[in-house]
Amino acid sequence: MAEYARKITSQAYRAFFINTLDLSKLPEYKTADIPMLAICGSRETRDMKVSLALLSENSRCKTITLQGANHDFPMRNAKELNPILEKFFRCVYQSEK
Protein backbone atom coordinates (compact mmCIF):
# COMPACT_ATOMS: atom_id res chain seq x y z
CA MET A 1 0.00 0.00 0.00
CA ALA A 2 2.79 2.41 0.89
CA GLU A 3 4.54 1.64 -2.38
CA TYR A 4 1.34 2.34 -4.32
CA ALA A 5 0.73 5.59 -2.43
CA ARG A 6 4.14 6.91 -3.49
CA LYS A 7 3.06 6.55 -7.13
CA ILE A 8 -0.05 8.70 -6.77
CA THR A 9 0.49 12.16 -8.15
CA SER A 10 -0.44 15.34 -6.31
CA GLN A 11 -2.96 16.02 -9.11
CA ALA A 12 -4.65 12.70 -8.41
CA TYR A 13 -4.88 13.49 -4.68
CA ARG A 14 -6.41 16.89 -5.40
CA ALA A 15 -8.88 15.39 -7.88
CA PHE A 16 -9.99 12.85 -5.29
CA PHE A 17 -10.90 15.56 -2.78
CA ILE A 18 -12.46 17.85 -5.38
CA ASN A 19 -14.59 15.03 -6.85
CA THR A 20 -15.41 13.19 -3.64
CA LEU A 21 -18.88 11.73 -3.25
CA ASP A 22 -21.27 14.04 -1.41
CA LEU A 23 -24.44 12.16 -0.45
CA SER A 24 -26.24 15.38 0.43
CA LYS A 25 -26.23 16.10 -3.33
CA LEU A 26 -27.56 12.62 -4.16
CA PRO A 27 -30.88 12.25 -2.32
CA GLU A 28 -31.62 9.01 -4.19
CA TYR A 29 -29.73 7.11 -1.49
CA LYS A 30 -32.71 7.68 0.83
CA THR A 31 -34.98 5.49 -1.29
CA ALA A 32 -32.53 2.85 -2.57
CA ASP A 33 -34.33 -0.44 -2.09
CA ILE A 34 -31.44 -2.86 -1.68
CA PRO A 35 -29.76 -4.20 1.45
CA MET A 36 -26.80 -2.00 2.32
CA LEU A 37 -24.13 -2.00 4.98
CA ALA A 38 -22.21 1.17 5.83
CA ILE A 39 -19.30 0.92 8.24
CA CYS A 40 -17.35 3.85 9.61
CA GLY A 41 -14.63 4.09 12.22
CA SER A 42 -14.99 6.44 15.15
CA ARG A 43 -11.64 7.97 14.13
CA GLU A 44 -12.69 8.56 10.51
CA THR A 45 -12.95 11.97 8.88
CA ARG A 46 -15.96 14.17 9.48
CA ASP A 47 -17.13 13.62 5.89
CA MET A 48 -17.22 9.86 6.39
CA LYS A 49 -19.20 10.22 9.62
CA VAL A 50 -21.66 12.57 7.89
CA SER A 51 -22.08 10.01 5.09
CA LEU A 52 -22.80 7.30 7.66
CA ALA A 53 -25.43 9.47 9.31
CA LEU A 54 -27.06 10.21 5.96
CA LEU A 55 -27.07 6.54 4.98
CA SER A 56 -28.75 5.67 8.27
CA GLU A 57 -31.81 7.56 6.99
CA ASN A 58 -32.46 4.64 4.62
CA SER A 59 -34.22 1.81 6.43
CA ARG A 60 -32.50 -0.73 4.14
CA CYS A 61 -29.05 0.41 5.27
CA LYS A 62 -27.48 -1.07 8.38
CA THR A 63 -24.89 1.31 9.79
CA ILE A 64 -22.07 0.43 12.14
CA THR A 65 -19.51 2.63 13.87
CA LEU A 66 -16.37 0.76 14.87
CA GLN A 67 -14.88 2.28 18.02
CA GLY A 68 -11.24 3.32 17.67
CA ALA A 69 -11.11 2.45 13.96
CA ASN A 70 -9.90 4.70 11.19
CA HIS A 71 -9.74 4.49 7.39
CA ASP A 72 -7.24 1.64 7.20
CA PHE A 73 -9.27 -0.65 9.45
CA PRO A 74 -10.32 -3.05 6.64
CA MET A 75 -6.71 -3.61 5.56
CA ARG A 76 -5.34 -4.11 9.06
CA ASN A 77 -8.21 -5.93 10.79
CA ALA A 78 -9.68 -8.52 8.44
CA LYS A 79 -10.20 -10.94 11.35
CA GLU A 80 -12.52 -8.41 13.00
CA LEU A 81 -14.18 -7.12 9.83
CA ASN A 82 -14.90 -10.41 8.08
CA PRO A 83 -17.35 -11.71 10.72
CA ILE A 84 -19.31 -8.44 10.44
CA LEU A 85 -19.53 -8.82 6.67
CA GLU A 86 -20.39 -12.52 6.89
CA LYS A 87 -23.22 -11.81 9.35
CA PHE A 88 -24.61 -9.10 7.08
CA PHE A 89 -24.51 -11.34 4.02
CA ARG A 90 -26.10 -14.24 5.92
CA CYS A 91 -28.94 -11.96 7.03
CA VAL A 92 -29.45 -10.68 3.48
CA TYR A 93 -29.43 -14.19 2.10
CA GLN A 94 -31.88 -15.44 4.73
CA SER A 95 -34.30 -12.57 4.13
CA GLU A 96 -34.31 -13.19 0.38
CA LYS A 97 -35.36 -16.84 0.76
PDB file of N, CA and C in Angstrom:
ATOM      1  N   MET A   1       0.820  -1.187   0.000  1.00  0.00           N
ATOM      2  CA  MET A   1       0.000   0.000   0.000  1.00  0.00           C
ATOM      3  C   MET A   1       0.866   1.254   0.000  1.00  0.00           C
ATOM      4  N   ALA A   2       1.910   1.248   0.835  1.00  0.00           N
ATOM      5  CA  ALA A   2       2.787   2.412   0.893  1.00  0.00           C
ATOM      6  C   ALA A   2       3.488   2.625  -0.443  1.00  0.00           C
ATOM      7  N   GLU A   3       3.889   1.537  -1.079  1.00  0.00           N
ATOM      8  CA  GLU A   3       4.545   1.645  -2.383  1.00  0.00           C
ATOM      9  C   GLU A   3       3.591   2.250  -3.411  1.00  0.00           C
ATOM     10  N   TYR A   4       2.346   1.800  -3.403  1.00  0.00           N
ATOM     11  CA  TYR A   4       1.341   2.341  -4.322  1.00  0.00           C
ATOM     12  C   TYR A   4       1.105   3.828  -4.049  1.00  0.00           C
ATOM     13  N   ALA A   5       1.002   4.196  -2.786  1.00  0.00           N
ATOM     14  CA  ALA A   5       0.726   5.592  -2.427  1.00  0.00           C
ATOM     15  C   ALA A   5       1.817   6.530  -2.943  1.00  0.00           C
ATOM     16  N   ARG A   6       3.043   6.074  -2.981  1.00  0.00           N
ATOM     17  CA  ARG A   6       4.139   6.911  -3.494  1.00  0.00           C
ATOM     18  C   ARG A   6       3.973   7.216  -4.978  1.00  0.00           C
ATOM     19  N   LYS A   7       3.251   6.376  -5.688  1.00  0.00           N
ATOM     20  CA  LYS A   7       3.065   6.546  -7.134  1.00  0.00           C
ATOM     21  C   LYS A   7       1.914   7.497  -7.478  1.00  0.00           C
ATOM     22  N   ILE A   8       1.093   7.829  -6.502  1.00  0.00           N
ATOM     23  CA  ILE A   8      -0.052   8.701  -6.767  1.00  0.00           C
ATOM     24  C   ILE A   8       0.441  10.140  -6.869  1.00  0.00           C
ATOM     25  N   THR A   9       0.047  10.785  -7.935  1.00  0.00           N
ATOM     26  CA  THR A   9       0.491  12.165  -8.153  1.00  0.00           C
ATOM     27  C   THR A   9      -0.298  13.140  -7.289  1.00  0.00           C
ATOM     28  N   SER A  10       0.267  14.314  -7.088  1.00  0.00           N
ATOM     29  CA  SER A  10      -0.441  15.337  -6.311  1.00  0.00           C
ATOM     30  C   SER A  10      -1.727  15.747  -7.029  1.00  0.00           C
ATOM     31  N   GLN A  11      -1.738  15.706  -8.357  1.00  0.00           N
ATOM     32  CA  GLN A  11      -2.957  16.024  -9.113  1.00  0.00           C
ATOM     33  C   GLN A  11      -4.052  15.000  -8.825  1.00  0.00           C
ATOM     34  N   ALA A  12      -3.667  13.742  -8.706  1.00  0.00           N
ATOM     35  CA  ALA A  12      -4.648  12.698  -8.408  1.00  0.00           C
ATOM     36  C   ALA A  12      -5.230  12.877  -7.007  1.00  0.00           C
ATOM     37  N   TYR A  13      -4.382  13.228  -6.036  1.00  0.00           N
ATOM     38  CA  TYR A  13      -4.879  13.490  -4.683  1.00  0.00           C
ATOM     39  C   TYR A  13      -5.862  14.647  -4.680  1.00  0.00           C
ATOM     40  N   ARG A  14      -5.515  15.725  -5.343  1.00  0.00           N
ATOM     41  CA  ARG A  14      -6.407  16.892  -5.400  1.00  0.00           C
ATOM     42  C   ARG A  14      -7.728  16.527  -6.061  1.00  0.00           C
ATOM     43  N   ALA A  15      -7.665  15.787  -7.170  1.00  0.00           N
ATOM     44  CA  ALA A  15      -8.881  15.392  -7.882  1.00  0.00           C
ATOM     45  C   ALA A  15      -9.787  14.548  -6.992  1.00  0.00           C
ATOM     46  N   PHE A  16      -9.187  13.673  -6.190  1.00  0.00           N
ATOM     47  CA  PHE A  16      -9.989  12.852  -5.285  1.00  0.00           C
ATOM     48  C   PHE A  16     -10.816  13.727  -4.348  1.00  0.00           C
ATOM     49  N   PHE A  17     -10.203  14.724  -3.744  1.00  0.00           N
ATOM     50  CA  PHE A  17     -10.904  15.565  -2.782  1.00  0.00           C
ATOM     51  C   PHE A  17     -11.866  16.534  -3.448  1.00  0.00           C
ATOM     52  N   ILE A  18     -11.556  16.958  -4.650  1.00  0.00           N
ATOM     53  CA  ILE A  18     -12.461  17.848  -5.382  1.00  0.00           C
ATOM     54  C   ILE A  18     -13.697  17.085  -5.839  1.00  0.00           C
ATOM     55  N   ASN A  19     -13.508  15.826  -6.265  1.00  0.00           N
ATOM     56  CA  ASN A  19     -14.594  15.029  -6.845  1.00  0.00           C
ATOM     57  C   ASN A  19     -15.164  13.998  -5.887  1.00  0.00           C
ATOM     58  N   THR A  20     -14.942  14.170  -4.603  1.00  0.00           N
ATOM     59  CA  THR A  20     -15.414  13.186  -3.639  1.00  0.00           C
ATOM     60  C   THR A  20     -16.944  13.102  -3.638  1.00  0.00           C
ATOM     61  N   LEU A  21     -17.447  11.956  -3.285  1.00  0.00           N
ATOM     62  CA  LEU A  21     -18.882  11.728  -3.254  1.00  0.00           C
ATOM     63  C   LEU A  21     -19.517  12.509  -2.107  1.00  0.00           C
ATOM     64  N   ASP A  22     -20.546  13.266  -2.416  1.00  0.00           N
ATOM     65  CA  ASP A  22     -21.269  14.043  -1.411  1.00  0.00           C
ATOM     66  C   ASP A  22     -22.722  13.574  -1.422  1.00  0.00           C
ATOM     67  N   LEU A  23     -23.082  12.726  -0.467  1.00  0.00           N
ATOM     68  CA  LEU A  23     -24.436  12.161  -0.445  1.00  0.00           C
ATOM     69  C   LEU A  23     -25.524  13.213  -0.318  1.00  0.00           C
ATOM     70  N   SER A  24     -25.215  14.343   0.291  1.00  0.00           N
ATOM     71  CA  SER A  24     -26.240  15.379   0.428  1.00  0.00           C
ATOM     72  C   SER A  24     -26.688  15.904  -0.936  1.00  0.00           C
ATOM     73  N   LYS A  25     -25.873  15.682  -1.971  1.00  0.00           N
ATOM     74  CA  LYS A  25     -26.231  16.097  -3.329  1.00  0.00           C
ATOM     75  C   LYS A  25     -26.850  14.955  -4.130  1.00  0.00           C
ATOM     76  N   LEU A  26     -26.991  13.799  -3.498  1.00  0.00           N
ATOM     77  CA  LEU A  26     -27.560  12.617  -4.156  1.00  0.00           C
ATOM     78  C   LEU A  26     -28.679  12.033  -3.291  1.00  0.00           C
ATOM     79  N   PRO A  27     -29.819  12.707  -3.228  1.00  0.00           N
ATOM     80  CA  PRO A  27     -30.881  12.252  -2.320  1.00  0.00           C
ATOM     81  C   PRO A  27     -31.466  10.882  -2.662  1.00  0.00           C
ATOM     82  N   GLU A  28     -31.105  10.326  -3.808  1.00  0.00           N
ATOM     83  CA  GLU A  28     -31.623   9.013  -4.191  1.00  0.00           C
ATOM     84  C   GLU A  28     -31.245   7.922  -3.197  1.00  0.00           C
ATOM     85  N   TYR A  29     -30.159   8.130  -2.450  1.00  0.00           N
ATOM     86  CA  TYR A  29     -29.734   7.109  -1.492  1.00  0.00           C
ATOM     87  C   TYR A  29     -30.818   6.841  -0.454  1.00  0.00           C
ATOM     88  N   LYS A  30     -31.670   7.837  -0.201  1.00  0.00           N
ATOM     89  CA  LYS A  30     -32.707   7.680   0.829  1.00  0.00           C
ATOM     90  C   LYS A  30     -33.746   6.631   0.448  1.00  0.00           C
ATOM     91  N   THR A  31     -33.932   6.417  -0.852  1.00  0.00           N
ATOM     92  CA  THR A  31     -34.976   5.488  -1.290  1.00  0.00           C
ATOM     93  C   THR A  31     -34.423   4.251  -1.986  1.00  0.00           C
ATOM     94  N   ALA A  32     -33.111   4.062  -1.969  1.00  0.00           N
ATOM     95  CA  ALA A  32     -32.534   2.854  -2.573  1.00  0.00           C
ATOM     96  C   ALA A  32     -33.127   1.637  -1.874  1.00  0.00           C
ATOM     97  N   ASP A  33     -33.610   0.689  -2.651  1.00  0.00           N
ATOM     98  CA  ASP A  33     -34.333  -0.445  -2.091  1.00  0.00           C
ATOM     99  C   ASP A  33     -33.521  -1.742  -2.206  1.00  0.00           C
ATOM    100  N   ILE A  34     -32.301  -1.680  -1.714  1.00  0.00           N
ATOM    101  CA  ILE A  34     -31.444  -2.856  -1.682  1.00  0.00           C
ATOM    102  C   ILE A  34     -30.805  -2.928  -0.300  1.00  0.00           C
ATOM    103  N   PRO A  35     -30.456  -4.117   0.156  1.00  0.00           N
ATOM    104  CA  PRO A  35     -29.764  -4.199   1.448  1.00  0.00           C
ATOM    105  C   PRO A  35     -28.391  -3.535   1.349  1.00  0.00           C
ATOM    106  N   MET A  36     -28.085  -2.697   2.305  1.00  0.00           N
ATOM    107  CA  MET A  36     -26.803  -2.000   2.316  1.00  0.00           C
ATOM    108  C   MET A  36     -26.192  -2.085   3.704  1.00  0.00           C
ATOM    109  N   LEU A  37     -24.879  -2.029   3.733  1.00  0.00           N
ATOM    110  CA  LEU A  37     -24.134  -1.998   4.977  1.00  0.00           C
ATOM    111  C   LEU A  37     -23.121  -0.870   4.864  1.00  0.00           C
ATOM    112  N   ALA A  38     -23.160   0.054   5.796  1.00  0.00           N
ATOM    113  CA  ALA A  38     -22.209   1.166   5.829  1.00  0.00           C
ATOM    114  C   ALA A  38     -21.459   1.098   7.151  1.00  0.00           C
ATOM    115  N   ILE A  39     -20.149   1.033   7.056  1.00  0.00           N
ATOM    116  CA  ILE A  39     -19.299   0.924   8.241  1.00  0.00           C
ATOM    117  C   ILE A  39     -18.355   2.112   8.267  1.00  0.00           C
ATOM    118  N   CYS A  40     -18.222   2.697   9.447  1.00  0.00           N
ATOM    119  CA  CYS A  40     -17.346   3.851   9.614  1.00  0.00           C
ATOM    120  C   CYS A  40     -16.631   3.720  10.950  1.00  0.00           C
ATOM    121  N   GLY A  41     -15.379   4.101  10.972  1.00  0.00           N
ATOM    122  CA  GLY A  41     -14.630   4.090  12.215  1.00  0.00           C
ATOM    123  C   GLY A  41     -14.862   5.363  13.004  1.00  0.00           C
ATOM    124  N   SER A  42     -14.788   5.261  14.309  1.00  0.00           N
ATOM    125  CA  SER A  42     -14.992   6.444  15.151  1.00  0.00           C
ATOM    126  C   SER A  42     -13.877   7.478  14.956  1.00  0.00           C
ATOM    127  N   ARG A  43     -12.758   7.059  14.378  1.00  0.00           N
ATOM    128  CA  ARG A  43     -11.644   7.970  14.133  1.00  0.00           C
ATOM    129  C   ARG A  43     -11.552   8.380  12.664  1.00  0.00           C
ATOM    130  N   GLU A  44     -12.636   8.174  11.920  1.00  0.00           N
ATOM    131  CA  GLU A  44     -12.692   8.564  10.510  1.00  0.00           C
ATOM    132  C   GLU A  44     -12.840  10.075  10.382  1.00  0.00           C
ATOM    133  N   THR A  45     -12.767  10.546   9.144  1.00  0.00           N
ATOM    134  CA  THR A  45     -12.948  11.970   8.876  1.00  0.00           C
ATOM    135  C   THR A  45     -14.401  12.372   9.097  1.00  0.00           C
ATOM    136  N   ARG A  46     -14.617  13.642   9.285  1.00  0.00           N
ATOM    137  CA  ARG A  46     -15.965  14.167   9.478  1.00  0.00           C
ATOM    138  C   ARG A  46     -16.864  13.816   8.293  1.00  0.00           C
ATOM    139  N   ASP A  47     -16.332  13.925   7.075  1.00  0.00           N
ATOM    140  CA  ASP A  47     -17.128  13.616   5.885  1.00  0.00           C
ATOM    141  C   ASP A  47     -17.635  12.184   5.899  1.00  0.00           C
ATOM    142  N   MET A  48     -16.797  11.253   6.326  1.00  0.00           N
ATOM    143  CA  MET A  48     -17.217   9.859   6.389  1.00  0.00           C
ATOM    144  C   MET A  48     -18.309   9.663   7.436  1.00  0.00           C
ATOM    145  N   LYS A  49     -18.184  10.336   8.570  1.00  0.00           N
ATOM    146  CA  LYS A  49     -19.197  10.224   9.618  1.00  0.00           C
ATOM    147  C   LYS A  49     -20.521  10.839   9.171  1.00  0.00           C
ATOM    148  N   VAL A  50     -20.444  11.942   8.428  1.00  0.00           N
ATOM    149  CA  VAL A  50     -21.663  12.567   7.887  1.00  0.00           C
ATOM    150  C   VAL A  50     -22.325  11.613   6.898  1.00  0.00           C
ATOM    151  N   SER A  51     -21.526  10.978   6.045  1.00  0.00           N
ATOM    152  CA  SER A  51     -22.081  10.012   5.092  1.00  0.00           C
ATOM    153  C   SER A  51     -22.781   8.870   5.816  1.00  0.00           C
ATOM    154  N   LEU A  52     -22.184   8.375   6.885  1.00  0.00           N
ATOM    155  CA  LEU A  52     -22.801   7.300   7.655  1.00  0.00           C
ATOM    156  C   LEU A  52     -24.143   7.746   8.225  1.00  0.00           C
ATOM    157  N   ALA A  53     -24.184   8.947   8.762  1.00  0.00           N
ATOM    158  CA  ALA A  53     -25.434   9.470   9.314  1.00  0.00           C
ATOM    159  C   ALA A  53     -26.496   9.599   8.227  1.00  0.00           C
ATOM    160  N   LEU A  54     -26.104  10.082   7.056  1.00  0.00           N
ATOM    161  CA  LEU A  54     -27.062  10.208   5.958  1.00  0.00           C
ATOM    162  C   LEU A  54     -27.556   8.846   5.503  1.00  0.00           C
ATOM    163  N   LEU A  55     -26.664   7.886   5.393  1.00  0.00           N
ATOM    164  CA  LEU A  55     -27.068   6.541   4.978  1.00  0.00           C
ATOM    165  C   LEU A  55     -28.012   5.897   5.983  1.00  0.00           C
ATOM    166  N   SER A  56     -27.876   6.253   7.246  1.00  0.00           N
ATOM    167  CA  SER A  56     -28.753   5.673   8.268  1.00  0.00           C
ATOM    168  C   SER A  56     -30.204   6.102   8.081  1.00  0.00           C
ATOM    169  N   GLU A  57     -30.439   7.120   7.266  1.00  0.00           N
ATOM    170  CA  GLU A  57     -31.812   7.559   6.987  1.00  0.00           C
ATOM    171  C   GLU A  57     -32.567   6.569   6.103  1.00  0.00           C
ATOM    172  N   ASN A  58     -31.838   5.660   5.446  1.00  0.00           N
ATOM    173  CA  ASN A  58     -32.463   4.638   4.617  1.00  0.00           C
ATOM    174  C   ASN A  58     -32.673   3.396   5.473  1.00  0.00           C
ATOM    175  N   SER A  59     -33.909   2.954   5.567  1.00  0.00           N
ATOM    176  CA  SER A  59     -34.219   1.809   6.428  1.00  0.00           C
ATOM    177  C   SER A  59     -33.577   0.508   5.933  1.00  0.00           C
ATOM    178  N   ARG A  60     -33.146   0.466   4.691  1.00  0.00           N
ATOM    179  CA  ARG A  60     -32.495  -0.732   4.144  1.00  0.00           C
ATOM    180  C   ARG A  60     -30.991  -0.747   4.409  1.00  0.00           C
ATOM    181  N   CYS A  61     -30.486   0.322   5.031  1.00  0.00           N
ATOM    182  CA  CYS A  61     -29.048   0.415   5.272  1.00  0.00           C
ATOM    183  C   CYS A  61     -28.738   0.204   6.746  1.00  0.00           C
ATOM    184  N   LYS A  62     -27.964  -0.831   7.014  1.00  0.00           N
ATOM    185  CA  LYS A  62     -27.477  -1.067   8.379  1.00  0.00           C
ATOM    186  C   LYS A  62     -26.184  -0.279   8.519  1.00  0.00           C
ATOM    187  N   THR A  63     -26.092   0.523   9.566  1.00  0.00           N
ATOM    188  CA  THR A  63     -24.886   1.310   9.787  1.00  0.00           C
ATOM    189  C   THR A  63     -24.195   0.863  11.069  1.00  0.00           C
ATOM    190  N   ILE A  64     -22.873   0.858  11.001  1.00  0.00           N
ATOM    191  CA  ILE A  64     -22.065   0.432  12.136  1.00  0.00           C
ATOM    192  C   ILE A  64     -20.916   1.423  12.307  1.00  0.00           C
ATOM    193  N   THR A  65     -20.689   1.838  13.549  1.00  0.00           N
ATOM    194  CA  THR A  65     -19.508   2.630  13.873  1.00  0.00           C
ATOM    195  C   THR A  65     -18.572   1.741  14.686  1.00  0.00           C
ATOM    196  N   LEU A  66     -17.367   1.583  14.194  1.00  0.00           N
ATOM    197  CA  LEU A  66     -16.371   0.763  14.875  1.00  0.00           C
ATOM    198  C   LEU A  66     -15.516   1.668  15.768  1.00  0.00           C
ATOM    199  N   GLN A  67     -15.606   1.448  17.064  1.00  0.00           N
ATOM    200  CA  GLN A  67     -14.881   2.282  18.019  1.00  0.00           C
ATOM    201  C   GLN A  67     -13.368   2.144  17.835  1.00  0.00           C
ATOM    202  N   GLY A  68     -12.696   3.285  17.779  1.00  0.00           N
ATOM    203  CA  GLY A  68     -11.241   3.318  17.670  1.00  0.00           C
ATOM    204  C   GLY A  68     -10.695   3.052  16.284  1.00  0.00           C
ATOM    205  N   ALA A  69     -11.565   2.790  15.313  1.00  0.00           N
ATOM    206  CA  ALA A  69     -11.112   2.451  13.963  1.00  0.00           C
ATOM    207  C   ALA A  69     -10.969   3.702  13.107  1.00  0.00           C
ATOM    208  N   ASN A  70     -10.037   3.631  12.157  1.00  0.00           N
ATOM    209  CA  ASN A  70      -9.897   4.699  11.188  1.00  0.00           C
ATOM    210  C   ASN A  70      -9.954   4.109   9.781  1.00  0.00           C
ATOM    211  N   HIS A  71      -9.519   4.862   8.790  1.00  0.00           N
ATOM    212  CA  HIS A  71      -9.742   4.493   7.394  1.00  0.00           C
ATOM    213  C   HIS A  71      -9.043   3.199   6.977  1.00  0.00           C
ATOM    214  N   ASP A  72      -7.947   2.845   7.617  1.00  0.00           N
ATOM    215  CA  ASP A  72      -7.238   1.642   7.197  1.00  0.00           C
ATOM    216  C   ASP A  72      -7.702   0.383   7.933  1.00  0.00           C
ATOM    217  N   PHE A  73      -8.768   0.485   8.689  1.00  0.00           N
ATOM    218  CA  PHE A  73      -9.267  -0.654   9.453  1.00  0.00           C
ATOM    219  C   PHE A  73      -9.460  -1.910   8.590  1.00  0.00           C
ATOM    220  N   PRO A  74     -10.103  -1.825   7.425  1.00  0.00           N
ATOM    221  CA  PRO A  74     -10.316  -3.051   6.636  1.00  0.00           C
ATOM    222  C   PRO A  74      -9.022  -3.755   6.246  1.00  0.00           C
ATOM    223  N   MET A  75      -7.975  -2.995   5.967  1.00  0.00           N
ATOM    224  CA  MET A  75      -6.715  -3.615   5.561  1.00  0.00           C
ATOM    225  C   MET A  75      -5.971  -4.233   6.734  1.00  0.00           C
ATOM    226  N   ARG A  76      -6.126  -3.659   7.902  1.00  0.00           N
ATOM    227  CA  ARG A  76      -5.345  -4.111   9.060  1.00  0.00           C
ATOM    228  C   ARG A  76      -6.102  -5.061   9.993  1.00  0.00           C
ATOM    229  N   ASN A  77      -7.407  -5.174   9.825  1.00  0.00           N
ATOM    230  CA  ASN A  77      -8.206  -5.931  10.791  1.00  0.00           C
ATOM    231  C   ASN A  77      -9.213  -6.873  10.130  1.00  0.00           C
ATOM    232  N   ALA A  78      -8.768  -7.616   9.150  1.00  0.00           N
ATOM    233  CA  ALA A  78      -9.677  -8.524   8.444  1.00  0.00           C
ATOM    234  C   ALA A  78     -10.341  -9.515   9.396  1.00  0.00           C
ATOM    235  N   LYS A  79      -9.622  -9.965  10.420  1.00  0.00           N
ATOM    236  CA  LYS A  79     -10.203 -10.942  11.350  1.00  0.00           C
ATOM    237  C   LYS A  79     -11.374 -10.355  12.124  1.00  0.00           C
ATOM    238  N   GLU A  80     -11.399  -9.056  12.318  1.00  0.00           N
ATOM    239  CA  GLU A  80     -12.524  -8.406  12.995  1.00  0.00           C
ATOM    240  C   GLU A  80     -13.615  -8.010  12.005  1.00  0.00           C
ATOM    241  N   LEU A  81     -13.214  -7.594  10.814  1.00  0.00           N
ATOM    242  CA  LEU A  81     -14.181  -7.120   9.828  1.00  0.00           C
ATOM    243  C   LEU A  81     -14.941  -8.262   9.155  1.00  0.00           C
ATOM    244  N   ASN A  82     -14.252  -9.328   8.818  1.00  0.00           N
ATOM    245  CA  ASN A  82     -14.901 -10.412   8.080  1.00  0.00           C
ATOM    246  C   ASN A  82     -16.138 -10.980   8.771  1.00  0.00           C
ATOM    247  N   PRO A  83     -16.130 -11.217  10.081  1.00  0.00           N
ATOM    248  CA  PRO A  83     -17.354 -11.714  10.717  1.00  0.00           C
ATOM    249  C   PRO A  83     -18.535 -10.727  10.593  1.00  0.00           C
ATOM    250  N   ILE A  84     -18.251  -9.444  10.609  1.00  0.00           N
ATOM    251  CA  ILE A  84     -19.310  -8.438  10.442  1.00  0.00           C
ATOM    252  C   ILE A  84     -19.918  -8.572   9.050  1.00  0.00           C
ATOM    253  N   LEU A  85     -19.049  -8.680   8.048  1.00  0.00           N
ATOM    254  CA  LEU A  85     -19.526  -8.821   6.667  1.00  0.00           C
ATOM    255  C   LEU A  85     -20.266 -10.140   6.464  1.00  0.00           C
ATOM    256  N   GLU A  86     -19.740 -11.217   7.019  1.00  0.00           N
ATOM    257  CA  GLU A  86     -20.391 -12.518   6.890  1.00  0.00           C
ATOM    258  C   GLU A  86     -21.784 -12.502   7.514  1.00  0.00           C
ATOM    259  N   LYS A  87     -21.915 -11.895   8.682  1.00  0.00           N
ATOM    260  CA  LYS A  87     -23.217 -11.810   9.348  1.00  0.00           C
ATOM    261  C   LYS A  87     -24.199 -11.023   8.491  1.00  0.00           C
ATOM    262  N   PHE A  88     -23.744  -9.906   7.937  1.00  0.00           N
ATOM    263  CA  PHE A  88     -24.613  -9.099   7.081  1.00  0.00           C
ATOM    264  C   PHE A  88     -25.075  -9.911   5.872  1.00  0.00           C
ATOM    265  N   PHE A  89     -24.143 -10.572   5.202  1.00  0.00           N
ATOM    266  CA  PHE A  89     -24.509 -11.342   4.016  1.00  0.00           C
ATOM    267  C   PHE A  89     -25.419 -12.509   4.353  1.00  0.00           C
ATOM    268  N   ARG A  90     -25.198 -13.166   5.497  1.00  0.00           N
ATOM    269  CA  ARG A  90     -26.102 -14.242   5.916  1.00  0.00           C
ATOM    270  C   ARG A  90     -27.506 -13.710   6.135  1.00  0.00           C
ATOM    271  N   CYS A  91     -27.629 -12.570   6.781  1.00  0.00           N
ATOM    272  CA  CYS A  91     -28.944 -11.963   7.031  1.00  0.00           C
ATOM    273  C   CYS A  91     -29.630 -11.599   5.729  1.00  0.00           C
ATOM    274  N   VAL A  92     -28.885 -11.034   4.795  1.00  0.00           N
ATOM    275  CA  VAL A  92     -29.453 -10.676   3.484  1.00  0.00           C
ATOM    276  C   VAL A  92     -29.919 -11.931   2.773  1.00  0.00           C
ATOM    277  N   TYR A  93     -29.086 -12.941   2.770  1.00  0.00           N
ATOM    278  CA  TYR A  93     -29.432 -14.188   2.101  1.00  0.00           C
ATOM    279  C   TYR A  93     -30.668 -14.828   2.724  1.00  0.00           C
ATOM    280  N   GLN A  94     -30.736 -14.842   4.051  1.00  0.00           N
ATOM    281  CA  GLN A  94     -31.881 -15.443   4.732  1.00  0.00           C
ATOM    282  C   GLN A  94     -33.164 -14.679   4.435  1.00  0.00           C
ATOM    283  N   SER A  95     -33.100 -13.363   4.366  1.00  0.00           N
ATOM    284  CA  SER A  95     -34.303 -12.567   4.134  1.00  0.00           C
ATOM    285  C   SER A  95     -34.799 -12.675   2.698  1.00  0.00           C
ATOM    286  N   GLU A  96     -33.919 -13.062   1.780  1.00  0.00           N
ATOM    287  CA  GLU A  96     -34.315 -13.193   0.381  1.00  0.00           C
ATOM    288  C   GLU A  96     -34.904 -14.562   0.069  1.00  0.00           C
ATOM    289  N   LYS A  97     -34.793 -15.495   0.984  1.00  0.00           N
ATOM    290  CA  LYS A  97     -35.360 -16.839   0.755  1.00  0.00           C
ATOM    291  C   LYS A  97     -36.856 -16.827   0.873  1.00  0.00           C
TER     292      LYS A  97
END
